[in-house]
């Protein structure tokens, strides 16, 4: 198993890079044998089908980086030092990191709804092997793509794409109000310029989708680590409500999956244009 799949455009025409770190679904057989969950339950942490929803990205001049390694096995949206002492032998307890204490470190202990993955602990060597084999190659490739964008276009814009359970936004907003379809996470303005966020929000809104910012998802490791606006490297997390395109219980596509994918392609084109427009201005200066 390799860590990721990279699809490049015929010609790179924008500073935007799209990525999906949680849509991987290649489960190592040895891992499944260790798990107490069945093959269906263990998929509950997947951002299922997000990679397919983004398939048109290269047609709009942007690279698309998608994980192959599944989130239940290794979480690419965590730091390599976010090791869980309750799961990994020989690791010191870190009570100050809520992601680790909830079982959602770089090697997750649980999947959705807090369901335990393993019968017991795994070795520290196993954890380090996963990080070396899958985490580092993915992040090396991601940083390379961002460096290339900055070198060629003067800036880089990372669009880090995820999906969220419908229940996660049930309590957002006043009672009876419409729930968001999309949540944009920029760490409350710290990881991307306001102009970029406004244009991304406008692209989703023009497609008829309801958008919220930073609640309940403001962005995790990837957004925080790669978002450096002062260095012309921006990072924005996008969470899409799974109920828009799939059945969360069966983990199957809705009948109108292709229609939503087509709708999303228009949004992707608008987002790619943000980097293209900036490129045109730099060329003119």
C-alpha atoms as a PDB file:
ATOM      1  CA  UNK A   1       0.000   0.000   0.000  1.00  0.00           C
ATOM      2  CA  UNK A   2       1.218   3.482  -0.856  1.00  0.00           C
ATOM      3  CA  UNK A   3       0.309   6.533   1.188  1.00  0.00           C
ATOM      4  CA  UNK A   4      -1.454   8.606  -1.460  1.00  0.00           C
ATOM      5  CA  UNK A   5      -2.538   9.150  -5.019  1.00  0.00           C
ATOM      6  CA  UNK A   6      -1.439  12.317  -6.816  1.00  0.00           C
ATOM      7  CA  UNK A   7      -3.250  13.464  -9.946  1.00  0.00           C
ATOM      8  CA  UNK A   8      -1.648  16.368 -11.759  1.00  0.00           C
ATOM      9  CA  UNK A   9      -3.291  18.596 -14.372  1.00  0.00           C
ATOM     10  CA  UNK A  10      -1.987  18.622 -17.918  1.00  0.00           C
ATOM     11  CA  UNK A  11      -0.888  22.179 -17.221  1.00  0.00           C
ATOM     12  CA  UNK A  12      -0.807  23.783 -13.811  1.00  0.00           C
ATOM     13  CA  UNK A  13      -2.805  26.996 -14.108  1.00  0.00           C
ATOM     14  CA  UNK A  14      -3.495  27.980 -10.500  1.00  0.00           C
ATOM     15  CA  UNK A  15      -1.731  28.296  -7.177  1.00  0.00           C
ATOM     16  CA  UNK A  16      -4.475  26.212  -5.544  1.00  0.00           C
ATOM     17  CA  UNK A  17      -3.752  22.670  -4.309  1.00  0.00           C
ATOM     18  CA  UNK A  18      -6.648  20.387  -3.327  1.00  0.00           C
ATOM     19  CA  UNK A  19      -6.155  17.534  -0.853  1.00  0.00           C
ATOM     20  CA  UNK A  20      -8.260  14.874   0.869  1.00  0.00           C
ATOM     21  CA  UNK A  21      -6.371  13.277   3.792  1.00  0.00           C
ATOM     22  CA  UNK A  22      -9.241  11.184   5.204  1.00  0.00           C
ATOM     23  CA  UNK A  23     -10.794   9.480   2.162  1.00  0.00           C
ATOM     24  CA  UNK A  24      -8.367   6.542   2.126  1.00  0.00           C
ATOM     25  CA  UNK A  25      -9.984   3.110   2.186  1.00  0.00           C
ATOM     26  CA  UNK A  26      -7.156   0.591   1.645  1.00  0.00           C
ATOM     27  CA  UNK A  27      -7.233  -1.397   4.897  1.00  0.00           C
ATOM     28  CA  UNK A  28      -4.202  -3.630   5.568  1.00  0.00           C
ATOM     29  CA  UNK A  29      -5.387  -7.213   6.293  1.00  0.00           C
ATOM     30  CA  UNK A  30      -3.109  -7.474   9.358  1.00  0.00           C
ATOM     31  CA  UNK A  31      -4.736  -4.329  10.770  1.00  0.00           C
ATOM     32  CA  UNK A  32      -8.245  -5.694  10.226  1.00  0.00           C
ATOM     33  CA  UNK A  33      -7.285  -8.917  12.007  1.00  0.00           C
ATOM     34  CA  UNK A  34      -6.216  -6.910  15.074  1.00  0.00           C
ATOM     35  CA  UNK A  35      -9.372  -4.806  15.114  1.00  0.00           C
ATOM     36  CA  UNK A  36     -12.449  -5.639  17.173  1.00  0.00           C
ATOM     37  CA  UNK A  37     -14.680  -3.800  14.692  1.00  0.00           C
ATOM     38  CA  UNK A  38     -16.073  -5.370  11.556  1.00  0.00           C
ATOM     39  CA  UNK A  39     -15.221  -4.137   8.065  1.00  0.00           C
ATOM     40  CA  UNK A  40     -18.262  -1.852   8.000  1.00  0.00           C
ATOM     41  CA  UNK A  41     -17.870  -0.314  11.468  1.00  0.00           C
ATOM     42  CA  UNK A  42     -14.212   0.512  10.948  1.00  0.00           C
ATOM     43  CA  UNK A  43     -15.102   2.675   7.948  1.00  0.00           C
ATOM     44  CA  UNK A  44     -17.170   5.103  10.035  1.00  0.00           C
ATOM     45  CA  UNK A  45     -14.234   7.526  10.341  1.00  0.00           C
ATOM     46  CA  UNK A  46     -13.687   7.700   6.584  1.00  0.00           C
ATOM     47  CA  UNK A  47     -14.414  10.785   4.566  1.00  0.00           C
ATOM     48  CA  UNK A  48     -16.044   8.356   2.168  1.00  0.00           C
ATOM     49  CA  UNK A  49     -16.210   9.390  -1.511  1.00  0.00           C
ATOM     50  CA  UNK A  50     -14.611  12.825  -0.980  1.00  0.00           C
ATOM     51  CA  UNK A  51     -11.813  11.836  -3.363  1.00  0.00           C
ATOM     52  CA  UNK A  52     -14.432  10.984  -5.999  1.00  0.00           C
ATOM     53  CA  UNK A  53     -16.251  14.268  -5.438  1.00  0.00           C
ATOM     54  CA  UNK A  54     -12.962  16.059  -6.173  1.00  0.00           C
ATOM     55  CA  UNK A  55     -12.140  14.078  -9.318  1.00  0.00           C
ATOM     56  CA  UNK A  56     -12.591  17.113 -11.594  1.00  0.00           C
ATOM     57  CA  UNK A  57      -9.894  19.140  -9.823  1.00  0.00           C
ATOM     58  CA  UNK A  58      -7.079  18.453 -12.360  1.00  0.00           C
ATOM     59  CA  UNK A  59      -9.376  19.560 -15.217  1.00  0.00           C
ATOM     60  CA  UNK A  60      -9.270  23.031 -13.658  1.00  0.00           C
ATOM     61  CA  UNK A  61      -5.482  23.246 -13.585  1.00  0.00           C
ATOM     62  CA  UNK A  62      -4.865  22.207  -9.983  1.00  0.00           C
ATOM     63  CA  UNK A  63      -3.166  19.159  -8.405  1.00  0.00           C
ATOM     64  CA  UNK A  64      -5.260  16.693  -6.395  1.00  0.00           C
ATOM     65  CA  UNK A  65      -3.623  14.783  -3.527  1.00  0.00           C
ATOM     66  CA  UNK A  66      -5.765  12.031  -1.976  1.00  0.00           C
ATOM     67  CA  UNK A  67      -4.873   9.615   0.797  1.00  0.00           C
ATOM     68  CA  UNK A  68      -5.005   5.866   0.253  1.00  0.00           C
ATOM     69  CA  UNK A  69      -4.193   4.943   3.850  1.00  0.00           C
ATOM     70  CA  UNK A  70      -7.399   4.966   5.955  1.00  0.00           C
ATOM     71  CA  UNK A  71      -7.901   7.306   8.877  1.00  0.00           C
ATOM     72  CA  UNK A  72      -8.613   4.465  11.325  1.00  0.00           C
ATOM     73  CA  UNK A  73      -5.098   3.148  10.639  1.00  0.00           C
ATOM     74  CA  UNK A  74      -3.247   6.478  10.564  1.00  0.00           C
ATOM     75  CA  UNK A  75      -4.605  10.018  10.811  1.00  0.00           C
ATOM     76  CA  UNK A  76      -2.804  12.327   8.391  1.00  0.00           C
ATOM     77  CA  UNK A  77      -4.511  15.337   9.987  1.00  0.00           C
ATOM     78  CA  UNK A  78      -2.574  14.906  13.237  1.00  0.00           C
ATOM     79  CA  UNK A  79       0.991  15.721  14.140  1.00  0.00           C
ATOM     80  CA  UNK A  80       3.493  12.830  14.181  1.00  0.00           C
ATOM     81  CA  UNK A  81       4.063  13.438  17.904  1.00  0.00           C
ATOM     82  CA  UNK A  82       0.365  13.062  18.829  1.00  0.00           C
ATOM     83  CA  UNK A  83       0.879   9.584  20.265  1.00  0.00           C
ATOM     84  CA  UNK A  84      -1.725   8.032  22.565  1.00  0.00           C
ATOM     85  CA  UNK A  85      -0.343   6.386  25.730  1.00  0.00           C
ATOM     86  CA  UNK A  86      -3.618   4.475  26.160  1.00  0.00           C
ATOM     87  CA  UNK A  87      -2.945   2.688  22.856  1.00  0.00           C
ATOM     88  CA  UNK A  88       0.812   2.712  22.227  1.00  0.00           C
ATOM     89  CA  UNK A  89       3.252   0.951  24.535  1.00  0.00           C
ATOM     90  CA  UNK A  90       6.057   3.058  26.001  1.00  0.00           C
ATOM     91  CA  UNK A  91       4.457   6.469  25.370  1.00  0.00           C
ATOM     92  CA  UNK A  92       4.119   9.070  28.106  1.00  0.00           C
ATOM     93  CA  UNK A  93       0.641  10.338  28.853  1.00  0.00           C
ATOM     94  CA  UNK A  94      -0.179  13.787  27.464  1.00  0.00           C
ATOM     95  CA  UNK A  95      -3.202  15.106  29.392  1.00  0.00           C
ATOM     96  CA  UNK A  96      -3.096  18.517  27.676  1.00  0.00           C
ATOM     97  CA  UNK A  97      -4.016  17.348  24.175  1.00  0.00           C
ATOM     98  CA  UNK A  98      -7.792  16.764  23.910  1.00  0.00           C
ATOM     99  CA  UNK A  99      -7.460  14.945  20.591  1.00  0.00           C
ATOM    100  CA  UNK A 100      -5.170  12.349  22.150  1.00  0.00           C
ATOM    101  CA  UNK A 101      -7.190  11.933  25.328  1.00  0.00           C
ATOM    102  CA  UNK A 102     -10.337  11.337  23.251  1.00  0.00           C
ATOM    103  CA  UNK A 103      -8.557   8.571  21.325  1.00  0.00           C
ATOM    104  CA  UNK A 104      -7.989  10.549  18.142  1.00  0.00           C
ATOM    105  CA  UNK A 105      -4.218  10.854  17.961  1.00  0.00           C
ATOM    106  CA  UNK A 106      -2.072  10.172  14.918  1.00  0.00           C
ATOM    107  CA  UNK A 107      -2.715   6.448  15.488  1.00  0.00           C
ATOM    108  CA  UNK A 108      -6.417   6.506  16.442  1.00  0.00           C
ATOM    109  CA  UNK A 109      -7.680   4.368  19.322  1.00  0.00           C
ATOM    110  CA  UNK A 110     -11.336   4.858  18.379  1.00  0.00           C
ATOM    111  CA  UNK A 111     -13.526   5.512  15.359  1.00  0.00           C
ATOM    112  CA  UNK A 112     -16.762   7.510  15.228  1.00  0.00           C
ATOM    113  CA  UNK A 113     -18.894   7.535  18.384  1.00  0.00           C
ATOM    114  CA  UNK A 114     -15.919   6.462  20.491  1.00  0.00           C
ATOM    115  CA  UNK A 115     -15.900   2.808  19.401  1.00  0.00           C
ATOM    116  CA  UNK A 116     -12.631   1.074  20.270  1.00  0.00           C
ATOM    117  CA  UNK A 117     -10.570  -0.218  17.359  1.00  0.00           C
ATOM    118  CA  UNK A 118      -8.158  -2.596  19.141  1.00  0.00           C
ATOM    119  CA  UNK A 119      -8.304  -5.328  21.754  1.00  0.00           C
ATOM    120  CA  UNK A 120      -5.121  -4.138  23.435  1.00  0.00           C
ATOM    121  CA  UNK A 121      -2.095  -1.957  22.804  1.00  0.00           C
ATOM    122  CA  UNK A 122       0.212  -1.732  19.801  1.00  0.00           C
ATOM    123  CA  UNK A 123       3.982  -1.390  19.920  1.00  0.00           C
ATOM    124  CA  UNK A 124       5.818   1.890  19.648  1.00  0.00           C
ATOM    125  CA  UNK A 125       7.744   0.412  16.722  1.00  0.00           C
ATOM    126  CA  UNK A 126       4.464  -0.252  14.897  1.00  0.00           C
ATOM    127  CA  UNK A 127       3.409   3.364  15.430  1.00  0.00           C
ATOM    128  CA  UNK A 128       6.746   4.715  14.183  1.00  0.00           C
ATOM    129  CA  UNK A 129       6.644   2.397  11.160  1.00  0.00           C
ATOM    130  CA  UNK A 130       3.210   3.714  10.136  1.00  0.00           C
ATOM    131  CA  UNK A 131       4.354   7.298  10.493  1.00  0.00           C
ATOM    132  CA  UNK A 132       7.535   6.675   8.478  1.00  0.00           C
ATOM    133  CA  UNK A 133       5.783   4.656   5.759  1.00  0.00           C
ATOM    134  CA  UNK A 134       2.656   6.733   5.249  1.00  0.00           C
ATOM    135  CA  UNK A 135       2.533   9.992   7.231  1.00  0.00           C
ATOM    136  CA  UNK A 136       5.873  11.414   6.114  1.00  0.00           C
ATOM    137  CA  UNK A 137       5.517  10.632   2.388  1.00  0.00           C
ATOM    138  CA  UNK A 138       2.067  12.254   2.310  1.00  0.00           C
ATOM    139  CA  UNK A 139       3.247  15.412   4.037  1.00  0.00           C
ATOM    140  CA  UNK A 140       6.481  15.562   2.053  1.00  0.00           C
ATOM    141  CA  UNK A 141       4.419  15.470  -1.138  1.00  0.00           C
ATOM    142  CA  UNK A 142       1.963  18.055   0.151  1.00  0.00           C
ATOM    143  CA  UNK A 143       4.710  20.490   1.080  1.00  0.00           C
ATOM    144  CA  UNK A 144       6.379  19.917  -2.295  1.00  0.00           C
ATOM    145  CA  UNK A 145       3.154  20.873  -4.087  1.00  0.00           C
ATOM    146  CA  UNK A 146       2.823  24.016  -1.977  1.00  0.00           C
ATOM    147  CA  UNK A 147       6.465  24.943  -2.564  1.00  0.00           C
ATOM    148  CA  UNK A 148       5.947  24.518  -6.309  1.00  0.00           C
ATOM    149  CA  UNK A 149       2.924  26.802  -6.208  1.00  0.00           C
ATOM    150  CA  UNK A 150       4.852  29.488  -4.351  1.00  0.00           C
ATOM    151  CA  UNK A 151       7.799  29.187  -6.719  1.00  0.00           C
ATOM    152  CA  UNK A 152       5.691  29.322  -9.897  1.00  0.00           C
ATOM    153  CA  UNK A 153       2.810  31.579  -8.859  1.00  0.00           C
ATOM    154  CA  UNK A 154       4.145  33.590  -5.925  1.00  0.00           C
ATOM    155  CA  UNK A 155       1.741  31.987  -3.440  1.00  0.00           C
ATOM    156  CA  UNK A 156       0.126  28.691  -2.477  1.00  0.00           C
ATOM    157  CA  UNK A 157      -3.489  28.029  -1.462  1.00  0.00           C
ATOM    158  CA  UNK A 158      -4.224  24.663   0.145  1.00  0.00           C
ATOM    159  CA  UNK A 159      -7.860  23.527   0.112  1.00  0.00           C
ATOM    160  CA  UNK A 160      -7.978  20.676   2.639  1.00  0.00           C
ATOM    161  CA  UNK A 161     -11.209  18.761   2.031  1.00  0.00           C
ATOM    162  CA  UNK A 162     -13.164  16.690   4.539  1.00  0.00           C
ATOM    163  CA  UNK A 163     -16.665  15.434   5.266  1.00  0.00           C
ATOM    164  CA  UNK A 164     -18.653  15.775   8.481  1.00  0.00           C
ATOM    165  CA  UNK A 165     -21.523  13.770   9.930  1.00  0.00           C
ATOM    166  CA  UNK A 166     -24.878  15.479   9.687  1.00  0.00           C
ATOM    167  CA  UNK A 167     -25.302  15.253  13.465  1.00  0.00           C
ATOM    168  CA  UNK A 168     -22.208  17.424  13.953  1.00  0.00           C
ATOM    169  CA  UNK A 169     -24.107  20.497  12.746  1.00  0.00           C
ATOM    170  CA  UNK A 170     -27.517  19.722  14.227  1.00  0.00           C
ATOM    171  CA  UNK A 171     -27.038  22.248  17.028  1.00  0.00           C
ATOM    172  CA  UNK A 172     -25.389  25.005  15.008  1.00  0.00           C
ATOM    173  CA  UNK A 173     -27.431  28.204  14.927  1.00  0.00           C
ATOM    174  CA  UNK A 174     -30.753  29.090  16.584  1.00  0.00           C
ATOM    175  CA  UNK A 175     -33.367  26.340  17.049  1.00  0.00           C
ATOM    176  CA  UNK A 176     -35.310  25.763  13.859  1.00  0.00           C
ATOM    177  CA  UNK A 177     -32.738  27.466  11.641  1.00  0.00           C
ATOM    178  CA  UNK A 178     -31.235  25.780   8.584  1.00  0.00           C
ATOM    179  CA  UNK A 179     -28.067  23.846   9.301  1.00  0.00           C
ATOM    180  CA  UNK A 180     -24.891  24.488   7.315  1.00  0.00           C
ATOM    181  CA  UNK A 181     -23.998  22.278   4.381  1.00  0.00           C
ATOM    182  CA  UNK A 182     -20.393  23.477   4.403  1.00  0.00           C
ATOM    183  CA  UNK A 183     -18.111  24.562   7.245  1.00  0.00           C
ATOM    184  CA  UNK A 184     -14.976  26.548   6.394  1.00  0.00           C
ATOM    185  CA  UNK A 185     -12.142  26.323   8.910  1.00  0.00           C
ATOM    186  CA  UNK A 186      -9.365  28.924   8.991  1.00  0.00           C
ATOM    187  CA  UNK A 187      -8.475  28.806  12.692  1.00  0.00           C
ATOM    188  CA  UNK A 188     -10.534  31.973  13.156  1.00  0.00           C
ATOM    189  CA  UNK A 189      -8.676  33.947  10.519  1.00  0.00           C
ATOM    190  CA  UNK A 190      -5.145  32.739  11.273  1.00  0.00           C
ATOM    191  CA  UNK A 191      -4.372  30.418   8.347  1.00  0.00           C
ATOM    192  CA  UNK A 192      -5.636  32.118   5.184  1.00  0.00           C
ATOM    193  CA  UNK A 193      -6.330  35.631   3.962  1.00  0.00           C
ATOM    194  CA  UNK A 194      -9.816  36.994   4.460  1.00  0.00           C
ATOM    195  CA  UNK A 195     -10.180  37.649   0.738  1.00  0.00           C
ATOM    196  CA  UNK A 196      -9.657  33.968  -0.102  1.00  0.00           C
ATOM    197  CA  UNK A 197     -12.140  32.792   2.525  1.00  0.00           C
ATOM    198  CA  UNK A 198     -14.755  35.247   1.284  1.00  0.00           C
ATOM    199  CA  UNK A 199     -14.368  34.061  -2.301  1.00  0.00           C
ATOM    200  CA  UNK A 200     -14.577  30.396  -1.320  1.00  0.00           C
ATOM    201  CA  UNK A 201     -17.675  31.100   0.757  1.00  0.00           C
ATOM    202  CA  UNK A 202     -19.223  33.006  -2.132  1.00  0.00           C
ATOM    203  CA  UNK A 203     -18.564  30.076  -4.502  1.00  0.00           C
ATOM    204  CA  UNK A 204     -20.425  27.642  -2.256  1.00  0.00           C
ATOM    205  CA  UNK A 205     -23.240  30.108  -1.594  1.00  0.00           C
ATOM    206  CA  UNK A 206     -23.710  30.741  -5.321  1.00  0.00           C
ATOM    207  CA  UNK A 207     -24.210  26.976  -5.716  1.00  0.00           C
ATOM    208  CA  UNK A 208     -27.071  27.144  -3.210  1.00  0.00           C
ATOM    209  CA  UNK A 209     -25.156  25.686  -0.258  1.00  0.00           C
ATOM    210  CA  UNK A 210     -25.353  27.062   3.277  1.00  0.00           C
ATOM    211  CA  UNK A 211     -21.948  27.984   4.701  1.00  0.00           C
ATOM    212  CA  UNK A 212     -20.656  28.484   8.246  1.00  0.00           C
ATOM    213  CA  UNK A 213     -17.195  29.361   9.489  1.00  0.00           C
ATOM    214  CA  UNK A 214     -15.149  27.618  12.181  1.00  0.00           C
ATOM    215  CA  UNK A 215     -18.080  26.103  14.058  1.00  0.00           C
ATOM    216  CA  UNK A 216     -17.904  23.281  14.880  1.00  0.00           C
ATOM    217  CA  UNK A 217     -14.692  22.695  12.878  1.00  0.00           C
ATOM    218  CA  UNK A 218     -11.977  25.365  12.764  1.00  0.00           C
ATOM    219  CA  UNK A 219      -9.258  23.206  11.233  1.00  0.00           C
ATOM    220  CA  UNK A 220      -6.842  20.731  12.789  1.00  0.00           C
ATOM    221  CA  UNK A 221      -3.153  19.921  12.269  1.00  0.00           C
ATOM    222  CA  UNK A 222      -2.974  20.399   8.494  1.00  0.00           C
ATOM    223  CA  UNK A 223      -4.664  23.792   8.464  1.00  0.00           C
ATOM    224  CA  UNK A 224      -2.666  25.024  11.429  1.00  0.00           C
ATOM    225  CA  UNK A 225       0.663  23.628  10.211  1.00  0.00           C
ATOM    226  CA  UNK A 226       0.490  24.746   6.583  1.00  0.00           C
ATOM    227  CA  UNK A 227      -1.422  27.996   6.949  1.00  0.00           C
ATOM    228  CA  UNK A 228       1.222  30.738   6.842  1.00  0.00           C
ATOM    229  CA  UNK A 229      -0.382  33.775   5.181  1.00  0.00           C
ATOM    230  CA  UNK A 230       2.616  35.981   6.008  1.00  0.00           C
ATOM    231  CA  UNK A 231       4.691  33.643   3.808  1.00  0.00           C
ATOM    232  CA  UNK A 232       2.054  33.597   1.057  1.00  0.00           C
ATOM    233  CA  UNK A 233       1.082  30.047   1.962  1.00  0.00           C
ATOM    234  CA  UNK A 234      -2.617  29.777   2.812  1.00  0.00           C
ATOM    235  CA  UNK A 235      -4.586  26.805   4.153  1.00  0.00           C
ATOM    236  CA  UNK A 236      -8.360  26.454   4.393  1.00  0.00           C
ATOM    237  CA  UNK A 237     -10.262  23.421   5.661  1.00  0.00           C
ATOM    238  CA  UNK A 238     -13.570  22.537   4.013  1.00  0.00           C
ATOM    239  CA  UNK A 239     -16.085  20.219   5.713  1.00  0.00           C
ATOM    240  CA  UNK A 240     -18.973  18.937   3.594  1.00  0.00           C
ATOM    241  CA  UNK A 241     -22.097  17.498   5.186  1.00  0.00           C
ATOM    242  CA  UNK A 242     -22.184  13.789   4.319  1.00  0.00           C
ATOM    243  CA  UNK A 243     -25.975  13.824   4.148  1.00  0.00           C
ATOM    244  CA  UNK A 244     -25.675  15.801   0.902  1.00  0.00           C
ATOM    245  CA  UNK A 245     -24.372  12.833  -1.065  1.00  0.00           C
ATOM    246  CA  UNK A 246     -24.364   9.589   0.959  1.00  0.00           C
ATOM    247  CA  UNK A 247     -26.279   7.433   3.426  1.00  0.00           C
ATOM    248  CA  UNK A 248     -24.265   7.634   6.648  1.00  0.00           C
ATOM    249  CA  UNK A 249     -25.661   4.355   7.957  1.00  0.00           C
ATOM    250  CA  UNK A 250     -25.009   2.137   4.951  1.00  0.00           C
ATOM    251  CA  UNK A 251     -21.987   4.148   3.705  1.00  0.00           C
ATOM    252  CA  UNK A 252     -23.454   4.097   0.222  1.00  0.00           C
ATOM    253  CA  UNK A 253     -23.874   6.912  -2.281  1.00  0.00           C
ATOM    254  CA  UNK A 254     -27.225   8.633  -2.564  1.00  0.00           C
ATOM    255  CA  UNK A 255     -29.085   8.293  -5.836  1.00  0.00           C
ATOM    256  CA  UNK A 256     -28.287  11.945  -6.581  1.00  0.00           C
ATOM    257  CA  UNK A 257     -24.553  11.596  -5.873  1.00  0.00           C
ATOM    258  CA  UNK A 258     -23.600  12.490  -9.445  1.00  0.00           C
ATOM    259  CA  UNK A 259     -25.802  15.580  -9.354  1.00  0.00           C
ATOM    260  CA  UNK A 260     -24.051  16.817  -6.220  1.00  0.00           C
ATOM    261  CA  UNK A 261     -20.676  16.009  -7.777  1.00  0.00           C
ATOM    262  CA  UNK A 262     -21.596  18.141 -10.790  1.00  0.00           C
ATOM    263  CA  UNK A 263     -22.711  20.959  -8.524  1.00  0.00           C
ATOM    264  CA  UNK A 264     -19.421  20.736  -6.666  1.00  0.00           C
ATOM    265  CA  UNK A 265     -17.436  20.885  -9.903  1.00  0.00           C
ATOM    266  CA  UNK A 266     -18.704  24.402 -10.454  1.00  0.00           C
ATOM    267  CA  UNK A 267     -17.488  25.350  -6.977  1.00  0.00           C
ATOM    268  CA  UNK A 268     -14.114  23.723  -7.640  1.00  0.00           C
ATOM    269  CA  UNK A 269     -13.751  25.763 -10.819  1.00  0.00           C
ATOM    270  CA  UNK A 270     -14.481  28.980  -8.907  1.00  0.00           C
ATOM    271  CA  UNK A 271     -11.944  28.108  -6.190  1.00  0.00           C
ATOM    272  CA  UNK A 272      -9.267  27.234  -8.743  1.00  0.00           C
ATOM    273  CA  UNK A 273      -9.910  30.599 -10.375  1.00  0.00           C
ATOM    274  CA  UNK A 274      -8.910  32.361  -7.139  1.00  0.00           C
ATOM    275  CA  UNK A 275      -5.322  31.180  -7.630  1.00  0.00           C
ATOM    276  CA  UNK A 276      -5.450  31.788 -11.365  1.00  0.00           C
ATOM    277  CA  UNK A 277      -6.636  35.372 -10.930  1.00  0.00           C
ATOM    278  CA  UNK A 278      -3.823  36.103  -8.510  1.00  0.00           C
ATOM    279  CA  UNK A 279      -1.370  34.555 -10.950  1.00  0.00           C
ATOM    280  CA  UNK A 280      -2.590  36.879 -13.709  1.00  0.00           C
ATOM    281  CA  UNK A 281      -2.075  39.914 -11.477  1.00  0.00           C
ATOM    282  CA  UNK A 282       1.440  38.830 -10.531  1.00  0.00           C
ATOM    283  CA  UNK A 283       2.337  38.347 -14.186  1.00  0.00           C
ATOM    284  CA  UNK A 284       1.139  41.855 -14.960  1.00  0.00           C
ATOM    285  CA  UNK A 285       3.174  43.507 -12.197  1.00  0.00           C
END
